Structure formats: C-alpha cells, structure tokens
C-alpha atoms as a PDB file:
ATOM      1  CA  MET A   1     103.936 -65.065  12.304  1.00  0.00           C
ATOM      2  CA  LYS A   2     102.138 -68.224  11.192  1.00  0.00           C
ATOM      3  CA  LYS A   3     100.004 -68.154  14.335  1.00  0.00           C
ATOM      4  CA  ALA A   4      98.995 -64.515  13.756  1.00  0.00           C
ATOM      5  CA  LEU A   5      98.157 -65.249  10.097  1.00  0.00           C
ATOM      6  CA  LEU A   6      96.079 -68.283  11.102  1.00  0.00           C
ATOM      7  CA  THR A   7      94.215 -66.234  13.732  1.00  0.00           C
ATOM      8  CA  LEU A   8      93.558 -63.446  11.241  1.00  0.00           C
ATOM      9  CA  THR A   9      92.358 -65.915   8.581  1.00  0.00           C
ATOM     10  CA  THR A  10      90.070 -67.651  11.085  1.00  0.00           C
ATOM     11  CA  LEU A  11      88.600 -64.320  12.163  1.00  0.00           C
ATOM     12  CA  ALA A  12      88.037 -63.237   8.535  1.00  0.00           C
ATOM     13  CA  VAL A  13      86.345 -66.536   7.641  1.00  0.00           C
ATOM     14  CA  SER A  14      84.164 -66.331  10.763  1.00  0.00           C
ATOM     15  CA  ILE A  15      83.048 -62.804   9.904  1.00  0.00           C
ATOM     16  CA  PHE A  16      82.343 -63.827   6.295  1.00  0.00           C
ATOM     17  CA  VAL A  17      80.245 -66.817   7.421  1.00  0.00           C
ATOM     18  CA  LEU A  18      78.290 -64.721   9.900  1.00  0.00           C
ATOM     19  CA  MET A  19      77.600 -62.049   7.295  1.00  0.00           C
ATOM     20  CA  ALA A  20      76.599 -64.615   4.680  1.00  0.00           C
ATOM     21  CA  CYS A  21      74.230 -66.347   7.075  1.00  0.00           C
ATOM     22  CA  ASN A  22      72.721 -63.077   8.241  1.00  0.00           C
ATOM     23  CA  ASN A  23      72.376 -60.851   5.185  1.00  0.00           C
ATOM     24  CA  ASP A  24      69.081 -59.229   6.190  1.00  0.00           C
ATOM     25  CA  GLU A  25      69.712 -55.538   7.015  1.00  0.00           C
ATOM     26  CA  GLU A  26      67.084 -55.510   9.785  1.00  0.00           C
ATOM     27  CA  THR A  27      68.695 -58.354  11.713  1.00  0.00           C
ATOM     28  CA  ARG A  28      72.359 -57.318  11.507  1.00  0.00           C
ATOM     29  CA  THR A  29      74.034 -56.463  14.753  1.00  0.00           C
ATOM     30  CA  THR A  30      76.742 -53.931  15.430  1.00  0.00           C
ATOM     31  CA  GLU A  31      78.096 -55.844  18.422  1.00  0.00           C
ATOM     32  CA  PRO A  32      81.748 -56.834  18.112  1.00  0.00           C
ATOM     33  CA  ILE A  33      82.478 -60.500  17.587  1.00  0.00           C
ATOM     34  CA  THR A  34      84.336 -61.881  20.580  1.00  0.00           C
ATOM     35  CA  GLU A  35      85.004 -65.282  22.046  1.00  0.00           C
ATOM     36  CA  ALA A  36      82.310 -64.519  24.619  1.00  0.00           C
ATOM     37  CA  THR A  37      79.667 -63.892  21.937  1.00  0.00           C
ATOM     38  CA  GLU A  38      77.321 -66.860  21.946  1.00  0.00           C
ATOM     39  CA  ALA A  39      76.326 -68.457  18.685  1.00  0.00           C
ATOM     40  CA  ALA A  40      72.963 -67.090  17.596  1.00  0.00           C
ATOM     41  CA  GLU A  41      70.150 -69.580  17.215  1.00  0.00           C
ATOM     42  CA  PRO A  42      68.841 -69.750  13.668  1.00  0.00           C
ATOM     43  CA  THR A  43      65.580 -67.899  13.211  1.00  0.00           C
ATOM     44  CA  ILE A  44      62.540 -69.714  11.915  1.00  0.00           C
ATOM     45  CA  ASP A  45      59.899 -67.940   9.914  1.00  0.00           C
ATOM     46  CA  ALA A  46      56.881 -69.578  11.472  1.00  0.00           C
ATOM     47  CA  ARG A  47      53.558 -69.472   9.677  1.00  0.00           C
ATOM     48  CA  ALA A  48      51.807 -70.024  13.012  1.00  0.00           C
ATOM     49  CA  ILE A  49      52.683 -70.958  16.594  1.00  0.00           C
ATOM     50  CA  PHE A  50      50.215 -72.704  18.877  1.00  0.00           C
ATOM     51  CA  GLU A  51      50.951 -72.894  22.626  1.00  0.00           C
ATOM     52  CA  LEU A  52      49.591 -75.541  24.998  1.00  0.00           C
ATOM     53  CA  ASP A  53      46.460 -74.115  26.606  1.00  0.00           C
ATOM     54  CA  ARG A  54      44.928 -77.054  28.472  1.00  0.00           C
ATOM     55  CA  ILE A  55      45.001 -80.836  28.835  1.00  0.00           C
ATOM     56  CA  TYR A  56      42.252 -83.399  29.250  1.00  0.00           C
ATOM     57  CA  ALA A  57      42.863 -86.919  30.577  1.00  0.00           C
ATOM     58  CA  ASP A  58      39.918 -89.175  29.715  1.00  0.00           C
ATOM     59  CA  GLY A  59      37.795 -86.027  29.324  1.00  0.00           C
ATOM     60  CA  GLU A  60      38.754 -84.475  32.683  1.00  0.00           C
ATOM     61  CA  LYS A  61      40.747 -81.244  32.680  1.00  0.00           C
ATOM     62  CA  VAL A  62      44.122 -81.566  34.434  1.00  0.00           C
ATOM     63  CA  MET A  63      46.677 -78.968  35.493  1.00  0.00           C
ATOM     64  CA  ILE A  64      49.460 -78.613  32.915  1.00  0.00           C
ATOM     65  CA  SER A  65      52.009 -78.168  35.703  1.00  0.00           C
ATOM     66  CA  GLU A  66      51.144 -81.644  37.012  1.00  0.00           C
ATOM     67  CA  THR A  67      52.107 -83.313  33.706  1.00  0.00           C
ATOM     68  CA  ASN A  68      55.170 -83.882  31.531  1.00  0.00           C
ATOM     69  CA  PHE A  69      53.691 -81.583  28.892  1.00  0.00           C
ATOM     70  CA  GLU A  70      54.565 -78.152  30.282  1.00  0.00           C
ATOM     71  CA  GLY A  71      56.182 -76.008  27.556  1.00  0.00           C
ATOM     72  CA  SER A  72      54.575 -77.929  24.690  1.00  0.00           C
ATOM     73  CA  ARG A  73      53.805 -76.078  21.468  1.00  0.00           C
ATOM     74  CA  LEU A  74      53.278 -76.489  17.726  1.00  0.00           C
ATOM     75  CA  THR A  75      55.265 -74.400  15.247  1.00  0.00           C
ATOM     76  CA  PHE A  76      54.119 -74.491  11.644  1.00  0.00           C
ATOM     77  CA  ILE A  77      56.667 -73.571   8.980  1.00  0.00           C
ATOM     78  CA  GLY A  78      56.176 -73.202   5.261  1.00  0.00           C
ATOM     79  CA  GLU A  79      53.111 -74.013   3.258  1.00  0.00           C
ATOM     80  CA  GLU A  80      50.122 -75.740   4.783  1.00  0.00           C
ATOM     81  CA  GLN A  81      50.336 -78.488   2.177  1.00  0.00           C
ATOM     82  CA  GLY A  82      53.847 -79.859   2.146  1.00  0.00           C
ATOM     83  CA  GLY A  83      55.061 -77.750   5.068  1.00  0.00           C
ATOM     84  CA  THR A  84      56.571 -78.671   8.397  1.00  0.00           C
ATOM     85  CA  VAL A  85      55.364 -78.762  11.971  1.00  0.00           C
ATOM     86  CA  ILE A  86      57.729 -78.808  14.938  1.00  0.00           C
ATOM     87  CA  ILE A  87      55.860 -80.547  17.727  1.00  0.00           C
ATOM     88  CA  ARG A  88      57.396 -79.717  21.094  1.00  0.00           C
ATOM     89  CA  VAL A  89      56.214 -82.095  23.803  1.00  0.00           C
ATOM     90  CA  GLY A  90      57.702 -81.037  27.113  1.00  0.00           C
ATOM     91  CA  GLU A  91      61.331 -80.442  26.179  1.00  0.00           C
ATOM     92  CA  THR A  92      61.459 -82.734  23.126  1.00  0.00           C
ATOM     93  CA  ASP A  93      61.078 -81.407  19.581  1.00  0.00           C
ATOM     94  CA  ILE A  94      59.684 -83.650  16.869  1.00  0.00           C
ATOM     95  CA  ILE A  95      59.874 -82.544  13.250  1.00  0.00           C
ATOM     96  CA  ALA A  96      57.082 -83.814  11.038  1.00  0.00           C
ATOM     97  CA  TYR A  97      56.087 -82.954   7.514  1.00  0.00           C
ATOM     98  CA  ILE A  98      52.405 -82.371   6.804  1.00  0.00           C
ATOM     99  CA  ASN A  99      50.148 -82.378   3.786  1.00  0.00           C
ATOM    100  CA  PRO A 100      46.600 -81.786   5.030  1.00  0.00           C
ATOM    101  CA  SER A 101      43.739 -81.403   2.609  1.00  0.00           C
ATOM    102  CA  THR A 102      40.330 -79.904   3.291  1.00  0.00           C
ATOM    103  CA  ASP A 103      39.024 -82.669   0.992  1.00  0.00           C
ATOM    104  CA  HIS A 104      39.807 -85.194   3.761  1.00  0.00           C
ATOM    105  CA  PRO A 105      36.480 -86.339   5.300  1.00  0.00           C
ATOM    106  CA  SER A 106      37.735 -85.370   8.788  1.00  0.00           C
ATOM    107  CA  HIS A 107      37.570 -81.674   7.845  1.00  0.00           C
ATOM    108  CA  ALA A 108      33.809 -81.864   7.261  1.00  0.00           C
ATOM    109  CA  GLU A 109      33.453 -83.826  10.519  1.00  0.00           C
ATOM    110  CA  GLY A 110      35.113 -80.948  12.426  1.00  0.00           C
ATOM    111  CA  TYR A 111      38.363 -82.634  13.540  1.00  0.00           C
ATOM    112  CA  TRP A 112      40.715 -82.199  10.588  1.00  0.00           C
ATOM    113  CA  HIS A 113      43.257 -85.011  10.680  1.00  0.00           C
ATOM    114  CA  HIS A 114      46.880 -84.093   9.910  1.00  0.00           C
ATOM    115  CA  HIS A 115      49.129 -86.867   8.625  1.00  0.00           C
ATOM    116  CA  LEU A 116      52.606 -86.619  10.167  1.00  0.00           C
ATOM    117  CA  TYR A 117      55.351 -87.780   7.805  1.00  0.00           C
ATOM    118  CA  LEU A 118      59.030 -88.469   8.415  1.00  0.00           C
ATOM    119  CA  ALA A 119      60.134 -86.767   5.187  1.00  0.00           C
ATOM    120  CA  SER A 120      58.170 -86.971   1.957  1.00  0.00           C
ATOM    121  CA  THR A 121      54.512 -85.948   2.204  1.00  0.00           C
ATOM    122  CA  GLU A 122      53.440 -88.191  -0.659  1.00  0.00           C
ATOM    123  CA  ALA A 123      50.632 -90.643   0.127  1.00  0.00           C
ATOM    124  CA  GLY A 124      52.120 -93.947   1.257  1.00  0.00           C
ATOM    125  CA  SER A 125      55.253 -92.356   2.759  1.00  0.00           C
ATOM    126  CA  PRO A 126      56.511 -93.347   6.230  1.00  0.00           C
ATOM    127  CA  ARG A 127      54.944 -91.632   9.250  1.00  0.00           C
ATOM    128  CA  ILE A 128      56.414 -90.573  12.575  1.00  0.00           C
ATOM    129  CA  ASN A 129      55.854 -92.738  15.655  1.00  0.00           C
ATOM    130  CA  PHE A 130      55.218 -90.862  18.927  1.00  0.00           C
ATOM    131  CA  MET A 131      55.823 -93.990  21.017  1.00  0.00           C
ATOM    132  CA  GLU A 132      59.386 -94.283  19.654  1.00  0.00           C
ATOM    133  CA  LEU A 133      60.098 -90.535  19.639  1.00  0.00           C
ATOM    134  CA  LEU A 134      58.835 -89.900  23.197  1.00  0.00           C
ATOM    135  CA  PRO A 135      59.814 -93.032  25.150  1.00  0.00           C
ATOM    136  CA  GLU A 136      59.869 -91.107  28.442  1.00  0.00           C
ATOM    137  CA  LEU A 137      56.071 -90.645  28.259  1.00  0.00           C
ATOM    138  CA  GLY A 138      55.273 -94.365  28.112  1.00  0.00           C
ATOM    139  CA  ILE A 139      52.819 -93.995  25.215  1.00  0.00           C
ATOM    140  CA  ASP A 140      50.754 -97.144  24.791  1.00  0.00           C
ATOM    141  CA  ASP A 141      51.502 -99.431  21.889  1.00  0.00           C
ATOM    142  CA  ASN A 142      48.631 -99.919  19.515  1.00  0.00           C
ATOM    143  CA  GLU A 143      48.662-103.509  18.333  1.00  0.00           C
ATOM    144  CA  GLU A 144      46.387-102.534  15.448  1.00  0.00           C
ATOM    145  CA  ALA A 145      49.190-100.308  14.158  1.00  0.00           C
ATOM    146  CA  GLY A 146      51.305-103.257  13.079  1.00  0.00           C
ATOM    147  CA  ASP A 147      54.485-102.622  11.117  1.00  0.00           C
ATOM    148  CA  ASP A 148      52.943-100.598   8.277  1.00  0.00           C
ATOM    149  CA  ASN A 149      54.604 -97.244   8.829  1.00  0.00           C
ATOM    150  CA  THR A 150      52.568 -95.605   6.049  1.00  0.00           C
ATOM    151  CA  GLN A 151      49.313 -95.554   8.040  1.00  0.00           C
ATOM    152  CA  SER A 152      48.041 -92.988  10.558  1.00  0.00           C
ATOM    153  CA  VAL A 153      47.565 -95.621  13.248  1.00  0.00           C
ATOM    154  CA  TYR A 154      51.342 -96.257  13.121  1.00  0.00           C
ATOM    155  CA  GLN A 155      51.848 -92.761  14.581  1.00  0.00           C
ATOM    156  CA  ARG A 156      50.494 -93.912  18.005  1.00  0.00           C
ATOM    157  CA  GLY A 157      49.040 -90.444  18.364  1.00  0.00           C
ATOM    158  CA  ASN A 158      47.102 -87.982  16.226  1.00  0.00           C
ATOM    159  CA  LEU A 159      47.135 -84.280  15.484  1.00  0.00           C
ATOM    160  CA  HIS A 160      43.790 -82.696  14.631  1.00  0.00           C
ATOM    161  CA  TYR A 161      42.724 -79.167  13.811  1.00  0.00           C
ATOM    162  CA  VAL A 162      39.425 -78.413  15.567  1.00  0.00           C
ATOM    163  CA  VAL A 163      37.557 -76.578  12.817  1.00  0.00           C
ATOM    164  CA  GLU A 164      34.947 -74.926  15.072  1.00  0.00           C
ATOM    165  CA  THR A 165      37.401 -73.403  17.577  1.00  0.00           C
ATOM    166  CA  GLY A 166      40.583 -72.973  15.506  1.00  0.00           C
ATOM    167  CA  GLU A 167      42.620 -75.019  17.991  1.00  0.00           C
ATOM    168  CA  TYR A 168      44.870 -78.023  17.520  1.00  0.00           C
ATOM    169  CA  ARG A 169      44.445 -81.233  19.500  1.00  0.00           C
ATOM    170  CA  LEU A 170      47.255 -83.722  20.000  1.00  0.00           C
ATOM    171  CA  ARG A 171      45.946 -87.066  21.248  1.00  0.00           C
ATOM    172  CA  LEU A 172      48.192 -89.615  22.966  1.00  0.00           C
ATOM    173  CA  THR A 173      47.164 -92.697  24.956  1.00  0.00           C
ATOM    174  CA  ILE A 174      49.317 -93.271  28.041  1.00  0.00           C
ATOM    175  CA  ASP A 175      48.589 -96.072  30.540  1.00  0.00           C
ATOM    176  CA  GLY A 176      45.181 -96.588  28.937  1.00  0.00           C
ATOM    177  CA  ILE A 177      44.237 -92.927  29.455  1.00  0.00           C
ATOM    178  CA  MET A 178      43.514 -90.706  26.451  1.00  0.00           C
ATOM    179  CA  HIS A 179      45.435 -87.442  26.825  1.00  0.00           C
ATOM    180  CA  GLU A 180      44.223 -84.536  24.713  1.00  0.00           C
ATOM    181  CA  LEU A 181      46.622 -81.606  24.545  1.00  0.00           C
ATOM    182  CA  MET A 182      44.818 -78.495  23.312  1.00  0.00           C
ATOM    183  CA  PHE A 183      46.848 -75.768  21.587  1.00  0.00           C
ATOM    184  CA  VAL A 184      45.756 -72.195  20.826  1.00  0.00           C
ATOM    185  CA  GLU A 185      47.387 -69.781  18.398  1.00  0.00           C
ATOM    186  CA  GLN A 186      49.701 -67.126  19.814  1.00  0.00           C
END
C-alpha cells in the first residue's frame, strides 16, 4: 500500500512539475508520460543565432571540417545591452554576458567590439578567458593580459560584429596563428 501511494505521489508531482514548467498552450504535448519518455531540453528564446560560415588562419581560408571548430555557433539571448551570448566552439558551450554600445569607437571603425563578461555587465567586471575555458584548443597566452580580469585583453580572444556585412568574427590565436571564425545569421 505504501509503495503504491509513493508511486502515485511521485507520478502526480512529476506531472505537476512538467505542467508548471511547460504552461504554454502551443508547446504542450499529449504524449503519455512514461519511463521511456526522455527529459525535454529547455527551450531558449534566442534573439539571434549565428552559425559558423568560414574560417581564416592568418588570412587564408581553411576548411571547417579540417579544424576543431565544426559545429560552432553564437546564440544571443535577451537584450543586446545586458543580454547573454552562448558561444559554442566545437562541442563546448561558453556563456558570456554582453553589454555592447554603439558609442564604443570600434563601432565607427566597422568591427564592433563585444565585451564578454562572466556575470555582471558593469564596466570593470570580470571577463571570460577563452584560454582557460577551451584548453583543448591550445590558445596562446597573451603576456600583456596580465592578471587584470576586467580588461578585454584578459579574454585571450575577441568577439566583433562586422558592421558592413552583419557577421560576427571570433578571433583566437593558436600556435601563433590568428584564427578568425566568421558567423552568419540563420
């Protein structure tokens, strides 16, 4: 009796949680809940998704399939200022918070620099560090970066919006070679 009551309670709580997490009429499913039903991945309301289109190594175009970058993309969530970007490099996702401003001199120069924060997007907040987050790529250390994690150079890589073409460029230096990953909107 206790076992049946526990099973019934567990099932009721599971159904309640699923309904509470998925209260949008358009996304509800009529499929029965069974042990074989896989947990649904949470949906993300992306503002924009940019897929890897091409790569340049020291200015020369290289085949994406010959690199560790296949499957890379940028997913922007929330507001442009104070929003989030999920940077997928190969199979690794990096979450960074952004706060770009068209007042930044880089916008007028055509390569709009995006600061990539760990959490808070306030000026002077800590930045991400591609070298630490993607150790498998062997990103070069930049001795000029030092230990000040509030500066762009600390990132050991940069994300730019190319104003003229509407693309994003992720730049990483690996083994002394500048890699430019170019992303186009999907």
